[in-house]
Protein backbone atom coordinates (compact mmCIF):
# COMPACT_ATOMS: atom_id res chain seq x y z
CA MET A 1 0.00 0.00 0.00
CA LYS A 2 1.29 3.45 -0.94
CA VAL A 3 0.64 6.77 0.79
CA VAL A 4 0.83 9.57 -1.77
CA LYS A 5 0.60 13.33 -1.23
CA ASN A 6 1.02 14.53 -4.82
CA ILE A 7 -1.85 14.82 -7.32
CA SER A 8 0.24 13.97 -10.36
CA GLU A 9 1.55 10.79 -8.73
CA VAL A 10 -1.99 9.61 -7.93
CA LYS A 11 -3.04 10.24 -11.52
CA ASN A 12 -0.04 8.31 -12.86
CA ILE A 13 -0.73 5.31 -10.62
CA VAL A 14 -4.44 5.23 -11.49
CA ASN A 15 -3.73 5.61 -15.21
CA GLU A 16 -1.37 2.64 -15.03
CA TRP A 17 -4.06 0.57 -13.29
CA LYS A 18 -6.61 1.56 -15.91
CA GLN A 19 -4.26 0.49 -18.68
CA GLN A 20 -4.08 -2.91 -16.99
CA GLY A 21 -7.89 -3.16 -17.12
CA CYS A 22 -8.45 -2.52 -13.41
CA THR A 23 -11.60 -0.99 -11.98
CA ILE A 24 -11.15 1.66 -9.28
CA GLY A 25 -13.19 1.98 -6.09
CA PHE A 26 -12.77 5.24 -4.17
CA VAL A 27 -13.59 6.16 -0.56
CA PRO A 28 -13.14 9.87 0.24
CA THR A 29 -12.66 10.60 3.96
CA MET A 30 -11.39 13.22 6.36
CA GLY A 31 -9.49 10.58 8.28
CA TYR A 32 -9.62 9.40 11.87
CA LEU A 33 -11.13 6.28 10.42
CA HIS A 34 -13.59 3.99 12.19
CA GLU A 35 -15.73 0.97 11.31
CA GLY A 36 -18.13 3.18 9.36
CA HIS A 37 -15.34 4.11 6.97
CA GLY A 38 -14.20 0.49 7.03
CA SER A 39 -17.60 -0.66 5.76
CA LEU A 40 -17.19 1.65 2.76
CA VAL A 41 -13.75 0.22 2.05
CA VAL A 42 -15.05 -3.34 2.27
CA LYS A 43 -17.78 -2.48 -0.23
CA ALA A 44 -15.20 -0.82 -2.49
CA MET A 45 -13.26 -4.10 -2.55
CA GLU A 46 -15.69 -5.22 -5.25
CA ASN A 47 -13.33 -3.32 -7.56
CA SER A 48 -9.82 -4.34 -8.64
CA LYS A 49 -8.14 -1.47 -6.78
CA VAL A 50 -9.21 0.70 -3.83
CA VAL A 51 -8.14 4.28 -3.18
CA VAL A 52 -8.87 6.08 0.10
CA SER A 53 -8.36 9.83 0.41
CA ILE A 54 -7.58 11.33 3.80
CA PHE A 55 -7.96 15.10 3.66
CA VAL A 56 -9.45 17.46 6.24
CA ASN A 57 -10.96 19.92 3.80
CA PRO A 58 -10.69 23.50 5.09
CA MET A 59 -13.20 24.76 2.51
CA GLN A 60 -16.14 22.99 4.18
CA PHE A 61 -15.54 24.44 7.65
CA GLY A 62 -17.06 27.74 8.75
CA PRO A 63 -14.97 30.32 10.67
CA THR A 64 -16.29 29.18 14.08
CA GLU A 65 -16.18 25.42 13.37
CA ASP A 66 -13.72 22.75 14.48
CA LEU A 67 -11.16 22.65 11.64
CA ASP A 68 -8.09 22.95 13.88
CA LYS A 69 -9.49 20.54 16.47
CA TYR A 70 -10.74 17.94 13.99
CA PRO A 71 -9.07 14.63 15.01
CA ARG A 72 -6.17 13.42 12.88
CA ASP A 73 -4.06 10.26 13.10
CA LEU A 74 -2.48 9.30 9.78
CA GLU A 75 -0.38 6.52 11.29
CA LYS A 76 -3.44 4.80 12.78
CA ASP A 77 -5.45 5.39 9.60
CA SER A 78 -2.70 3.96 7.41
CA LYS A 79 -2.46 0.83 9.54
CA TYR A 80 -6.24 0.36 9.38
CA CYS A 81 -6.31 0.82 5.60
CA LYS A 82 -3.45 -1.63 5.12
CA GLU A 83 -5.26 -4.25 7.22
CA LEU A 84 -8.38 -3.80 5.09
CA GLY A 85 -6.44 -4.23 1.86
CA VAL A 86 -6.45 -0.66 0.51
CA ASP A 87 -4.06 -0.16 -2.41
CA LEU A 88 -3.47 3.59 -2.20
CA ILE A 89 -4.00 6.42 0.29
CA PHE A 90 -4.12 9.94 -1.10
CA ASN A 91 -3.17 12.33 1.73
CA PRO A 92 -2.57 15.78 0.24
CA GLU A 93 -1.71 18.96 2.09
CA PRO A 94 -4.17 21.86 1.74
CA GLY A 95 -1.68 23.68 -0.47
CA GLU A 96 -1.67 20.75 -2.91
CA MET A 97 -5.45 20.84 -3.26
CA TYR A 98 -5.80 24.63 -3.13
CA PRO A 99 -2.52 26.15 -4.38
CA GLU A 100 -1.79 29.88 -4.39
CA GLY A 101 -4.21 31.67 -6.66
CA TYR A 102 -6.92 29.00 -6.38
CA CYS A 103 -10.28 30.67 -7.08
CA THR A 104 -12.72 28.00 -8.32
CA SER A 105 -15.59 26.40 -6.41
CA VAL A 106 -18.58 24.15 -7.10
CA ASP A 107 -21.91 25.10 -5.57
CA ILE A 108 -25.38 23.58 -5.67
CA SER A 109 -28.72 25.24 -5.00
CA GLY A 110 -31.92 23.83 -3.55
CA LEU A 111 -30.65 20.64 -1.95
CA SER A 112 -28.06 22.53 0.10
CA GLU A 113 -30.45 25.06 1.60
CA GLU A 114 -32.25 22.78 4.09
CA LEU A 115 -31.12 20.70 7.10
CA CYS A 116 -27.36 21.13 7.67
CA GLY A 117 -27.20 23.88 5.06
CA LEU A 118 -29.20 26.25 7.28
CA SER A 119 -26.69 26.32 10.13
CA ARG A 120 -23.60 25.56 8.01
CA PRO A 121 -24.01 27.84 4.97
CA VAL A 122 -20.53 27.27 3.46
CA HIS A 123 -20.38 23.55 4.15
CA PHE A 124 -21.83 22.00 1.02
CA LYS A 125 -20.04 24.40 -1.31
CA GLY A 126 -16.81 23.12 0.22
CA VAL A 127 -17.98 19.50 0.01
CA CYS A 128 -18.95 19.78 -3.66
CA THR A 129 -15.69 21.50 -4.53
CA VAL A 130 -13.43 18.96 -2.84
CA VAL A 131 -15.40 15.91 -3.99
CA ASN A 132 -15.37 17.22 -7.55
CA LYS A 133 -11.61 17.67 -7.35
CA LEU A 134 -11.04 14.25 -5.80
CA LEU A 135 -13.18 12.50 -8.41
CA ASN A 136 -11.23 14.26 -11.17
CA ILE A 137 -7.91 13.28 -9.58
CA VAL A 138 -8.70 9.64 -8.77
CA ASN A 139 -11.02 9.03 -11.76
CA PRO A 140 -12.76 6.08 -10.07
CA ASP A 141 -15.41 3.81 -11.54
CA LYS A 142 -17.34 3.91 -8.25
CA ALA A 143 -17.16 6.18 -5.19
CA TYR A 144 -18.58 5.19 -1.80
CA PHE A 145 -20.31 7.44 0.74
CA GLY A 146 -22.06 6.73 4.04
CA GLU A 147 -25.79 7.21 4.40
CA LYS A 148 -25.27 8.85 7.81
CA ASP A 149 -24.48 11.99 5.81
CA ALA A 150 -27.70 11.59 3.84
CA GLN A 151 -27.98 15.18 2.65
CA GLN A 152 -24.37 15.11 1.48
CA LEU A 153 -25.03 11.87 -0.41
CA ALA A 154 -28.07 13.35 -2.15
CA ILE A 155 -26.11 16.48 -3.09
CA ILE A 156 -23.17 14.52 -4.48
CA ARG A 157 -25.48 12.33 -6.54
CA ARG A 158 -27.13 15.46 -7.93
CA MET A 159 -23.78 17.09 -8.70
CA VAL A 160 -22.52 13.99 -10.52
CA LYS A 161 -25.72 13.82 -12.56
CA ASP A 162 -25.83 17.54 -13.36
CA LEU A 163 -22.17 17.70 -14.39
CA SER A 164 -22.35 14.44 -16.40
CA MET A 165 -19.51 12.90 -14.40
CA ASN A 166 -18.52 9.37 -15.33
CA VAL A 167 -18.66 7.76 -11.89
CA GLU A 168 -21.23 5.72 -9.98
CA ILE A 169 -22.02 7.00 -6.49
CA VAL A 170 -22.74 4.17 -4.03
CA GLY A 171 -24.47 4.82 -0.70
CA CYS A 172 -23.69 2.50 2.21
CA PRO A 173 -25.72 1.92 5.42
CA ILE A 174 -25.08 3.67 8.73
CA ILE A 175 -22.77 1.72 11.04
CA ARG A 176 -23.64 1.97 14.73
CA GLU A 177 -21.99 1.22 18.05
CA LYS A 178 -23.42 -1.72 20.00
CA ASP A 179 -25.58 0.69 22.01
CA GLY A 180 -26.98 2.31 18.87
CA LEU A 181 -24.95 5.52 18.53
CA ALA A 182 -24.02 6.21 14.90
CA LYS A 183 -20.26 5.93 14.32
CA SER A 184 -18.62 9.33 13.87
CA SER A 185 -15.14 10.79 14.22
CA ARG A 186 -16.72 13.54 16.32
CA ASN A 187 -17.79 10.98 18.95
CA THR A 188 -14.23 11.28 20.28
CA TYR A 189 -15.05 14.82 21.46
CA LEU A 190 -17.67 13.51 23.91
CA SER A 191 -17.00 13.16 27.61
CA SER A 192 -18.25 9.96 29.26
CA GLU A 193 -21.37 11.81 30.47
CA GLU A 194 -21.97 13.28 27.02
CA ARG A 195 -21.41 9.89 25.41
CA ARG A 196 -24.28 8.47 27.46
CA ALA A 197 -26.44 11.50 26.66
CA ALA A 198 -25.77 11.09 22.93
CA LEU A 199 -27.86 7.91 22.94
CA ALA A 200 -30.88 10.22 22.84
CA LEU A 201 -30.31 10.52 19.08
CA SER A 202 -30.48 6.81 18.31
CA LYS A 203 -33.34 6.28 20.79
CA SER A 204 -35.30 8.92 18.89
CA ILE A 205 -34.37 7.38 15.52
CA PHE A 206 -35.42 3.88 16.57
CA ALA A 207 -38.71 5.16 18.00
CA GLY A 208 -39.41 7.06 14.79
CA LYS A 209 -38.68 3.99 12.68
CA ASP A 210 -41.09 1.94 14.76
CA MET A 211 -43.84 4.54 14.42
CA VAL A 212 -43.51 4.66 10.65
CA LYS A 213 -43.42 0.86 10.38
CA GLU A 214 -46.61 0.74 12.45
CA GLY A 215 -48.36 3.05 9.99
CA CYS A 216 -47.78 6.61 11.19
CA ARG A 217 -47.74 8.93 8.15
CA GLU A 218 -48.37 12.30 9.86
CA VAL A 219 -45.04 14.11 10.07
CA ASP A 220 -46.04 16.43 12.92
CA ILE A 221 -47.01 13.49 15.16
CA LEU A 222 -43.84 11.60 14.26
CA LEU A 223 -41.48 14.53 14.86
CA LYS A 224 -43.15 15.51 18.14
CA LYS A 225 -42.54 12.05 19.57
CA MET A 226 -38.93 12.06 18.36
CA LYS A 227 -38.28 15.56 19.71
CA ASP A 228 -39.82 14.64 23.08
CA ILE A 229 -37.32 11.79 23.44
CA ILE A 230 -34.36 14.06 22.71
CA ASN A 231 -35.62 16.87 24.93
CA GLU A 232 -35.76 14.48 27.87
CA GLU A 233 -31.95 14.57 27.82
CA PRO A 234 -30.69 17.75 29.60
CA LEU A 235 -27.39 17.84 27.67
CA ALA A 236 -29.12 17.68 24.28
CA ARG A 237 -30.08 20.70 22.18
CA ILE A 238 -31.79 20.16 18.83
CA ASP A 239 -30.34 22.04 15.85
CA TYR A 240 -32.95 20.53 13.53
CA LEU A 241 -35.19 17.49 13.28
CA LYS A 242 -37.14 17.39 10.01
CA ALA A 243 -38.80 15.14 7.48
CA VAL A 244 -37.89 15.94 3.88
CA ASP A 245 -38.38 14.51 0.42
CA ALA A 246 -35.44 12.13 -0.07
CA MET A 247 -34.69 13.52 -3.55
CA THR A 248 -35.29 17.27 -3.20
CA MET A 249 -34.57 17.80 0.53
CA GLN A 250 -37.75 19.91 0.77
CA GLN A 251 -39.92 19.51 3.87
CA VAL A 252 -43.01 17.29 3.70
CA ASP A 253 -46.13 17.09 5.86
CA THR A 254 -47.08 13.51 5.03
CA ILE A 255 -45.01 10.39 4.44
CA ASP A 256 -46.45 9.61 1.03
CA ARG A 257 -43.17 9.31 -0.92
CA PRO A 258 -39.54 8.34 -0.17
CA VAL A 259 -38.75 10.45 2.89
CA LEU A 260 -35.64 11.22 4.92
CA ILE A 261 -36.09 11.95 8.61
CA ALA A 262 -32.89 13.68 9.67
CA MET A 263 -31.56 15.39 12.76
CA ALA A 264 -28.62 17.38 14.04
CA VAL A 265 -28.33 17.60 17.81
CA TYR A 266 -25.78 19.29 20.05
CA ILE A 267 -24.61 17.22 22.97
CA GLY A 268 -22.82 19.86 24.98
CA LYS A 269 -20.74 21.58 22.31
CA VAL A 270 -20.54 18.54 20.00
CA ARG A 271 -22.87 18.52 17.00
CA LEU A 272 -23.96 15.02 15.95
CA ILE A 273 -26.21 13.89 13.09
CA ASP A 274 -28.38 10.84 12.50
CA ASN A 275 -31.24 9.85 10.22
CA PHE A 276 -33.40 7.16 8.76
CA SER A 277 -35.18 6.83 5.43
CA PHE A 278 -38.54 5.31 4.57
CA ILE A 279 -40.04 4.32 1.23
CA PRO A 280 -43.81 3.67 1.39
CA GLY A 281 -44.76 0.24 0.07
């Protein structure tokens, strides 16, 4: 397994693989890898070669967000990737991705203006820009993203479609801890008390799933029950909890189409997200 920091070297390696008839699976990450990332890598192993990018993208962080504090451990990540069978890690410096004079970005309207886009207005512009760059650099056949970041997944799928990009975007299920908490690099920020409090998110998600399975289609009733569960936890503060059309990210009143029920909740100062989707039968 190679760890490469230079764009041209990645392109040369991938071009050589393509000439050999290999298919390329790509998993873009910001590092500090956990089993959620690992599940994406395992899925990517359906291809001949697997590339993982590890890049904490400054463009998707707002001025008051946790860019400098975001956890990083390249040595641990490299060991994990090697154990999984990854062929190449792309770990560029910010100056490699955004050299002096860089002035181009990729933005998307509509889908980015709800949910996380309301409280993180620059986030998805940064995500679209870096993912576009990474897909151009790695030139994969398939790229793998977790469904925990459901809005991001929908936006990337839309971007790829709108820009006629020659890559298949594959969504992979949320991976949870044994007690239900969705795996996230930000879980490391939680104190032991906050870690226990964070279970309010998954408790709310599981209760919402049960209600929908049992026939509840009224969004206001569903969300009230889910919010009540979270609000029972003193350390929890809801950023948003909404039901939206799974394709457009616009809010719905009734579950009469594929719907995403998504939340962002602060546990202390740590902002966590979770969601579930439902497709009426």
